[in-house]
Amino acid sequence: MTMLLSLVAVISLVVGGIGIMNIMLVSVTERTREIGIRKAIGATPDDILIQFLIEASIISLLGGLVGIGLGIGGSMLLSAVAGWNTIVNLTAIVAAVVVSAGIGIFFGIYPASKAAR
């Protein structure tokens, strides 16, 4: 059961990461004028790369926070409705935030490097 749930989680992370990458690629394509203006006023490729990596990680973090909220809410609802004792582990929440940010950065590297070029 643990292996099955782990596999589902990995597939969900990959699909979410690909979604973030596609959103960021569209954003880069639509914002070529903004990128050109930033370069014209002195922004280095590293500045643009960092901007898009931050955007990708924020999108991913917001999705992670929504997931954490739904998980905690579902846990509380399950406790109230079914009478089960549920425990929300702080370590799991911290790990979820770190993995969420990592996925955003990992899948945001290609669009960010494309924007920087």
N, C-alpha and C. Protein backbone atom coordinates (compact mmCIF):
# COMPACT_ATOMS: atom_id res chain seq x y z
N MET A 1 0.83 -1.19 0.00
CA MET A 1 0.00 0.00 0.00
C MET A 1 0.88 1.26 0.00
N THR A 2 1.97 1.19 0.76
CA THR A 2 2.89 2.33 0.80
C THR A 2 3.51 2.58 -0.57
N MET A 3 3.88 1.50 -1.24
CA MET A 3 4.47 1.63 -2.58
C MET A 3 3.46 2.22 -3.56
N LEU A 4 2.22 1.79 -3.47
CA LEU A 4 1.19 2.29 -4.36
C LEU A 4 0.95 3.78 -4.13
N LEU A 5 0.83 4.17 -2.89
CA LEU A 5 0.62 5.58 -2.57
C LEU A 5 1.83 6.43 -2.97
N SER A 6 3.02 5.88 -2.80
CA SER A 6 4.23 6.60 -3.20
C SER A 6 4.27 6.80 -4.72
N LEU A 7 3.89 5.76 -5.45
CA LEU A 7 3.85 5.86 -6.90
C LEU A 7 2.84 6.91 -7.36
N VAL A 8 1.68 6.93 -6.75
CA VAL A 8 0.66 7.92 -7.09
C VAL A 8 1.18 9.33 -6.78
N ALA A 9 1.87 9.49 -5.66
CA ALA A 9 2.42 10.80 -5.30
C ALA A 9 3.47 11.24 -6.30
N VAL A 10 4.34 10.35 -6.71
CA VAL A 10 5.39 10.70 -7.68
C VAL A 10 4.77 11.09 -9.02
N ILE A 11 3.78 10.34 -9.46
CA ILE A 11 3.12 10.66 -10.72
C ILE A 11 2.44 12.03 -10.61
N SER A 12 1.81 12.31 -9.49
CA SER A 12 1.15 13.60 -9.29
C SER A 12 2.16 14.74 -9.31
N LEU A 13 3.32 14.53 -8.69
CA LEU A 13 4.35 15.57 -8.69
C LEU A 13 4.89 15.83 -10.09
N VAL A 14 5.11 14.78 -10.85
CA VAL A 14 5.62 14.95 -12.21
C VAL A 14 4.58 15.67 -13.08
N VAL A 15 3.33 15.28 -12.98
CA VAL A 15 2.28 15.93 -13.77
C VAL A 15 2.14 17.40 -13.37
N GLY A 16 2.16 17.67 -12.07
CA GLY A 16 2.11 19.05 -11.61
C GLY A 16 3.30 19.86 -12.08
N GLY A 17 4.48 19.25 -12.05
CA GLY A 17 5.68 19.93 -12.51
C GLY A 17 5.63 20.24 -13.99
N ILE A 18 5.12 19.31 -14.79
CA ILE A 18 4.99 19.55 -16.22
C ILE A 18 3.99 20.68 -16.47
N GLY A 19 2.93 20.72 -15.67
CA GLY A 19 1.96 21.81 -15.79
C GLY A 19 2.59 23.16 -15.48
N ILE A 20 3.40 23.21 -14.44
CA ILE A 20 4.09 24.45 -14.09
C ILE A 20 5.04 24.86 -15.22
N MET A 21 5.76 23.89 -15.77
CA MET A 21 6.69 24.19 -16.85
C MET A 21 5.95 24.75 -18.06
N ASN A 22 4.81 24.17 -18.40
CA ASN A 22 4.04 24.66 -19.55
C ASN A 22 3.50 26.06 -19.30
N ILE A 23 3.02 26.31 -18.10
CA ILE A 23 2.53 27.66 -17.75
C ILE A 23 3.66 28.67 -17.87
N MET A 24 4.83 28.31 -17.38
CA MET A 24 5.96 29.22 -17.42
C MET A 24 6.45 29.43 -18.87
N LEU A 25 6.42 28.39 -19.70
CA LEU A 25 6.81 28.56 -21.10
C LEU A 25 5.87 29.51 -21.84
N VAL A 26 4.58 29.39 -21.56
CA VAL A 26 3.61 30.33 -22.16
C VAL A 26 3.86 31.74 -21.65
N SER A 27 4.16 31.85 -20.36
CA SER A 27 4.45 33.16 -19.78
C SER A 27 5.67 33.79 -20.43
N VAL A 28 6.70 33.00 -20.67
CA VAL A 28 7.91 33.52 -21.31
C VAL A 28 7.59 34.00 -22.72
N THR A 29 6.80 33.22 -23.45
CA THR A 29 6.45 33.59 -24.82
C THR A 29 5.64 34.88 -24.86
N GLU A 30 4.70 35.03 -23.93
CA GLU A 30 3.85 36.21 -23.92
C GLU A 30 4.57 37.45 -23.40
N ARG A 31 5.64 37.25 -22.65
CA ARG A 31 6.31 38.39 -22.02
C ARG A 31 7.65 38.72 -22.66
N THR A 32 7.82 38.41 -23.93
CA THR A 32 9.09 38.71 -24.58
C THR A 32 9.38 40.20 -24.60
N ARG A 33 8.35 41.00 -24.75
CA ARG A 33 8.55 42.46 -24.75
C ARG A 33 9.07 42.92 -23.39
N GLU A 34 8.45 42.42 -22.31
CA GLU A 34 8.90 42.78 -20.96
C GLU A 34 10.36 42.35 -20.74
N ILE A 35 10.68 41.15 -21.19
CA ILE A 35 12.05 40.65 -21.03
C ILE A 35 13.02 41.53 -21.81
N GLY A 36 12.64 41.92 -23.03
CA GLY A 36 13.49 42.79 -23.84
C GLY A 36 13.70 44.15 -23.19
N ILE A 37 12.65 44.70 -22.61
CA ILE A 37 12.77 45.99 -21.93
C ILE A 37 13.69 45.86 -20.72
N ARG A 38 13.53 44.77 -19.96
CA ARG A 38 14.42 44.56 -18.81
C ARG A 38 15.87 44.45 -19.24
N LYS A 39 16.12 43.75 -20.34
CA LYS A 39 17.49 43.64 -20.85
C LYS A 39 18.01 44.99 -21.33
N ALA A 40 17.13 45.78 -21.96
CA ALA A 40 17.54 47.08 -22.48
C ALA A 40 17.93 48.05 -21.36
N ILE A 41 17.31 47.91 -20.20
CA ILE A 41 17.65 48.83 -19.11
C ILE A 41 18.72 48.27 -18.18
N GLY A 42 19.32 47.13 -18.59
CA GLY A 42 20.49 46.66 -17.86
C GLY A 42 20.36 45.37 -17.09
N ALA A 43 19.26 44.66 -17.22
CA ALA A 43 19.12 43.39 -16.50
C ALA A 43 20.03 42.34 -17.14
N THR A 44 20.71 41.61 -16.30
CA THR A 44 21.57 40.54 -16.80
C THR A 44 20.74 39.28 -17.01
N PRO A 45 21.25 38.33 -17.77
CA PRO A 45 20.52 37.06 -17.92
C PRO A 45 20.27 36.37 -16.58
N ASP A 46 21.20 36.52 -15.63
CA ASP A 46 20.98 35.93 -14.30
C ASP A 46 19.80 36.57 -13.58
N ASP A 47 19.62 37.89 -13.75
CA ASP A 47 18.47 38.56 -13.14
C ASP A 47 17.16 38.00 -13.67
N ILE A 48 17.09 37.81 -14.97
CA ILE A 48 15.88 37.30 -15.59
C ILE A 48 15.65 35.85 -15.19
N LEU A 49 16.73 35.06 -15.16
CA LEU A 49 16.64 33.67 -14.73
C LEU A 49 16.08 33.57 -13.32
N ILE A 50 16.61 34.38 -12.42
CA ILE A 50 16.15 34.35 -11.03
C ILE A 50 14.69 34.78 -10.93
N GLN A 51 14.29 35.79 -11.70
CA GLN A 51 12.90 36.24 -11.67
C GLN A 51 11.95 35.10 -12.04
N PHE A 52 12.26 34.40 -13.11
CA PHE A 52 11.36 33.33 -13.55
C PHE A 52 11.42 32.12 -12.63
N LEU A 53 12.58 31.84 -12.04
CA LEU A 53 12.65 30.75 -11.06
C LEU A 53 11.83 31.07 -9.82
N ILE A 54 11.86 32.33 -9.38
CA ILE A 54 11.05 32.74 -8.23
C ILE A 54 9.57 32.61 -8.56
N GLU A 55 9.18 33.02 -9.76
CA GLU A 55 7.78 32.90 -10.16
C GLU A 55 7.33 31.44 -10.18
N ALA A 56 8.17 30.57 -10.72
CA ALA A 56 7.82 29.14 -10.77
C ALA A 56 7.71 28.55 -9.38
N SER A 57 8.63 28.93 -8.48
CA SER A 57 8.58 28.38 -7.13
C SER A 57 7.39 28.92 -6.35
N ILE A 58 7.00 30.16 -6.60
CA ILE A 58 5.82 30.72 -5.92
C ILE A 58 4.54 30.01 -6.39
N ILE A 59 4.44 29.76 -7.70
CA ILE A 59 3.28 29.02 -8.21
C ILE A 59 3.21 27.65 -7.55
N SER A 60 4.35 26.99 -7.48
CA SER A 60 4.40 25.65 -6.88
C SER A 60 4.11 25.69 -5.39
N LEU A 61 4.66 26.68 -4.69
CA LEU A 61 4.39 26.80 -3.25
C LEU A 61 2.92 27.07 -2.96
N LEU A 62 2.30 27.90 -3.78
CA LEU A 62 0.87 28.16 -3.56
C LEU A 62 0.05 26.89 -3.75
N GLY A 63 0.40 26.11 -4.76
CA GLY A 63 -0.27 24.82 -4.95
C GLY A 63 -0.04 23.89 -3.78
N GLY A 64 1.18 23.89 -3.26
CA GLY A 64 1.50 23.07 -2.09
C GLY A 64 0.73 23.50 -0.86
N LEU A 65 0.61 24.81 -0.67
CA LEU A 65 -0.13 25.32 0.49
C LEU A 65 -1.62 24.98 0.39
N VAL A 66 -2.16 25.03 -0.82
CA VAL A 66 -3.56 24.64 -1.01
C VAL A 66 -3.71 23.15 -0.68
N GLY A 67 -2.77 22.34 -1.14
CA GLY A 67 -2.81 20.91 -0.83
C GLY A 67 -2.69 20.63 0.65
N ILE A 68 -1.84 21.36 1.33
CA ILE A 68 -1.70 21.19 2.79
C ILE A 68 -3.00 21.58 3.49
N GLY A 69 -3.59 22.69 3.04
CA GLY A 69 -4.86 23.12 3.63
C GLY A 69 -5.96 22.09 3.42
N LEU A 70 -6.03 21.54 2.20
CA LEU A 70 -7.04 20.50 1.93
C LEU A 70 -6.77 19.24 2.75
N GLY A 71 -5.50 18.90 2.91
CA GLY A 71 -5.16 17.72 3.70
C GLY A 71 -5.53 17.88 5.17
N ILE A 72 -5.23 19.03 5.73
CA ILE A 72 -5.57 19.28 7.13
C ILE A 72 -7.09 19.36 7.29
N GLY A 73 -7.75 20.04 6.35
CA GLY A 73 -9.21 20.13 6.40
C GLY A 73 -9.87 18.77 6.27
N GLY A 74 -9.37 17.95 5.35
CA GLY A 74 -9.90 16.59 5.19
C GLY A 74 -9.68 15.75 6.44
N SER A 75 -8.53 15.92 7.05
CA SER A 75 -8.22 15.19 8.28
C SER A 75 -9.18 15.60 9.41
N MET A 76 -9.43 16.89 9.52
CA MET A 76 -10.35 17.37 10.56
C MET A 76 -11.78 16.90 10.27
N LEU A 77 -12.16 16.93 8.99
CA LEU A 77 -13.50 16.48 8.62
C LEU A 77 -13.68 14.99 8.90
N LEU A 78 -12.66 14.21 8.59
CA LEU A 78 -12.70 12.78 8.86
C LEU A 78 -12.81 12.49 10.35
N SER A 79 -12.10 13.28 11.15
CA SER A 79 -12.19 13.12 12.60
C SER A 79 -13.59 13.45 13.11
N ALA A 80 -14.18 14.51 12.56
CA ALA A 80 -15.49 14.94 13.02
C ALA A 80 -16.60 14.00 12.56
N VAL A 81 -16.54 13.57 11.30
CA VAL A 81 -17.62 12.77 10.74
C VAL A 81 -17.52 11.30 11.15
N ALA A 82 -16.34 10.73 10.98
CA ALA A 82 -16.19 9.29 11.23
C ALA A 82 -15.75 8.98 12.66
N GLY A 83 -15.31 10.00 13.37
CA GLY A 83 -14.87 9.78 14.74
C GLY A 83 -13.48 9.16 14.84
N TRP A 84 -12.73 9.16 13.75
CA TRP A 84 -11.38 8.62 13.77
C TRP A 84 -10.41 9.64 14.35
N ASN A 85 -9.43 9.16 15.05
CA ASN A 85 -8.38 10.05 15.54
C ASN A 85 -7.33 10.21 14.44
N THR A 86 -7.13 11.44 14.01
CA THR A 86 -6.13 11.71 12.98
C THR A 86 -5.06 12.62 13.56
N ILE A 87 -3.85 12.43 13.09
CA ILE A 87 -2.72 13.23 13.57
C ILE A 87 -2.11 13.94 12.37
N VAL A 88 -1.93 15.24 12.48
CA VAL A 88 -1.28 16.02 11.45
C VAL A 88 0.17 16.20 11.89
N ASN A 89 1.09 15.65 11.11
CA ASN A 89 2.50 15.65 11.44
C ASN A 89 3.17 16.90 10.88
N LEU A 90 3.80 17.68 11.75
CA LEU A 90 4.46 18.91 11.32
C LEU A 90 5.63 18.61 10.38
N THR A 91 6.32 17.52 10.61
CA THR A 91 7.43 17.14 9.73
C THR A 91 6.94 16.89 8.31
N ALA A 92 5.79 16.26 8.17
CA ALA A 92 5.22 16.01 6.84
C ALA A 92 4.83 17.32 6.16
N ILE A 93 4.35 18.28 6.93
CA ILE A 93 3.98 19.58 6.36
C ILE A 93 5.22 20.30 5.86
N VAL A 94 6.27 20.31 6.65
CA VAL A 94 7.52 20.97 6.25
C VAL A 94 8.09 20.27 5.01
N ALA A 95 8.07 18.94 5.00
CA ALA A 95 8.56 18.20 3.84
C ALA A 95 7.74 18.53 2.60
N ALA A 96 6.44 18.68 2.75
CA ALA A 96 5.57 19.01 1.61
C ALA A 96 5.92 20.39 1.05
N VAL A 97 6.20 21.35 1.92
CA VAL A 97 6.57 22.69 1.46
C VAL A 97 7.92 22.65 0.73
N VAL A 98 8.87 21.92 1.27
CA VAL A 98 10.20 21.83 0.64
C VAL A 98 10.12 21.13 -0.71
N VAL A 99 9.40 20.02 -0.77
CA VAL A 99 9.25 19.30 -2.04
C VAL A 99 8.51 20.15 -3.05
N SER A 100 7.49 20.87 -2.61
CA SER A 100 6.73 21.73 -3.50
C SER A 100 7.62 22.81 -4.11
N ALA A 101 8.42 23.46 -3.30
CA ALA A 101 9.34 24.48 -3.81
C ALA A 101 10.38 23.85 -4.74
N GLY A 102 10.86 22.68 -4.38
CA GLY A 102 11.85 22.00 -5.21
C GLY A 102 11.30 21.64 -6.58
N ILE A 103 10.06 21.17 -6.62
CA ILE A 103 9.42 20.84 -7.90
C ILE A 103 9.30 22.10 -8.75
N GLY A 104 8.90 23.20 -8.14
CA GLY A 104 8.77 24.46 -8.89
C GLY A 104 10.10 24.91 -9.47
N ILE A 105 11.15 24.80 -8.68
CA ILE A 105 12.47 25.21 -9.16
C ILE A 105 12.97 24.26 -10.24
N PHE A 106 12.83 22.95 -10.01
CA PHE A 106 13.32 21.97 -10.98
C PHE A 106 12.64 22.12 -12.33
N PHE A 107 11.31 22.21 -12.32
CA PHE A 107 10.57 22.31 -13.58
C PHE A 107 10.55 23.74 -14.13
N GLY A 108 11.03 24.70 -13.37
CA GLY A 108 11.09 26.08 -13.85
C GLY A 108 12.43 26.43 -14.46
N ILE A 109 13.41 25.54 -14.38
CA ILE A 109 14.74 25.84 -14.89
C ILE A 109 14.73 26.05 -16.40
N TYR A 110 14.08 25.16 -17.14
CA TYR A 110 14.07 25.29 -18.60
C TYR A 110 13.39 26.58 -19.06
N PRO A 111 12.16 26.89 -18.59
CA PRO A 111 11.55 28.15 -19.01
C PRO A 111 12.37 29.37 -18.58
N ALA A 112 12.97 29.31 -17.40
CA ALA A 112 13.76 30.46 -16.94
C ALA A 112 15.00 30.64 -17.80
N SER A 113 15.64 29.55 -18.17
CA SER A 113 16.83 29.69 -19.01
C SER A 113 16.44 30.16 -20.41
N LYS A 114 15.29 29.74 -20.89
CA LYS A 114 14.80 30.22 -22.18
C LYS A 114 14.53 31.72 -22.13
N ALA A 115 13.96 32.18 -21.02
CA ALA A 115 13.70 33.63 -20.87
C ALA A 115 15.01 34.41 -20.78
N ALA A 116 15.99 33.84 -20.12
CA ALA A 116 17.26 34.53 -19.95
C ALA A 116 18.02 34.65 -21.27
N ARG A 117 17.76 33.72 -22.19
CA ARG A 117 18.41 33.78 -23.51
C ARG A 117 17.67 34.75 -24.39
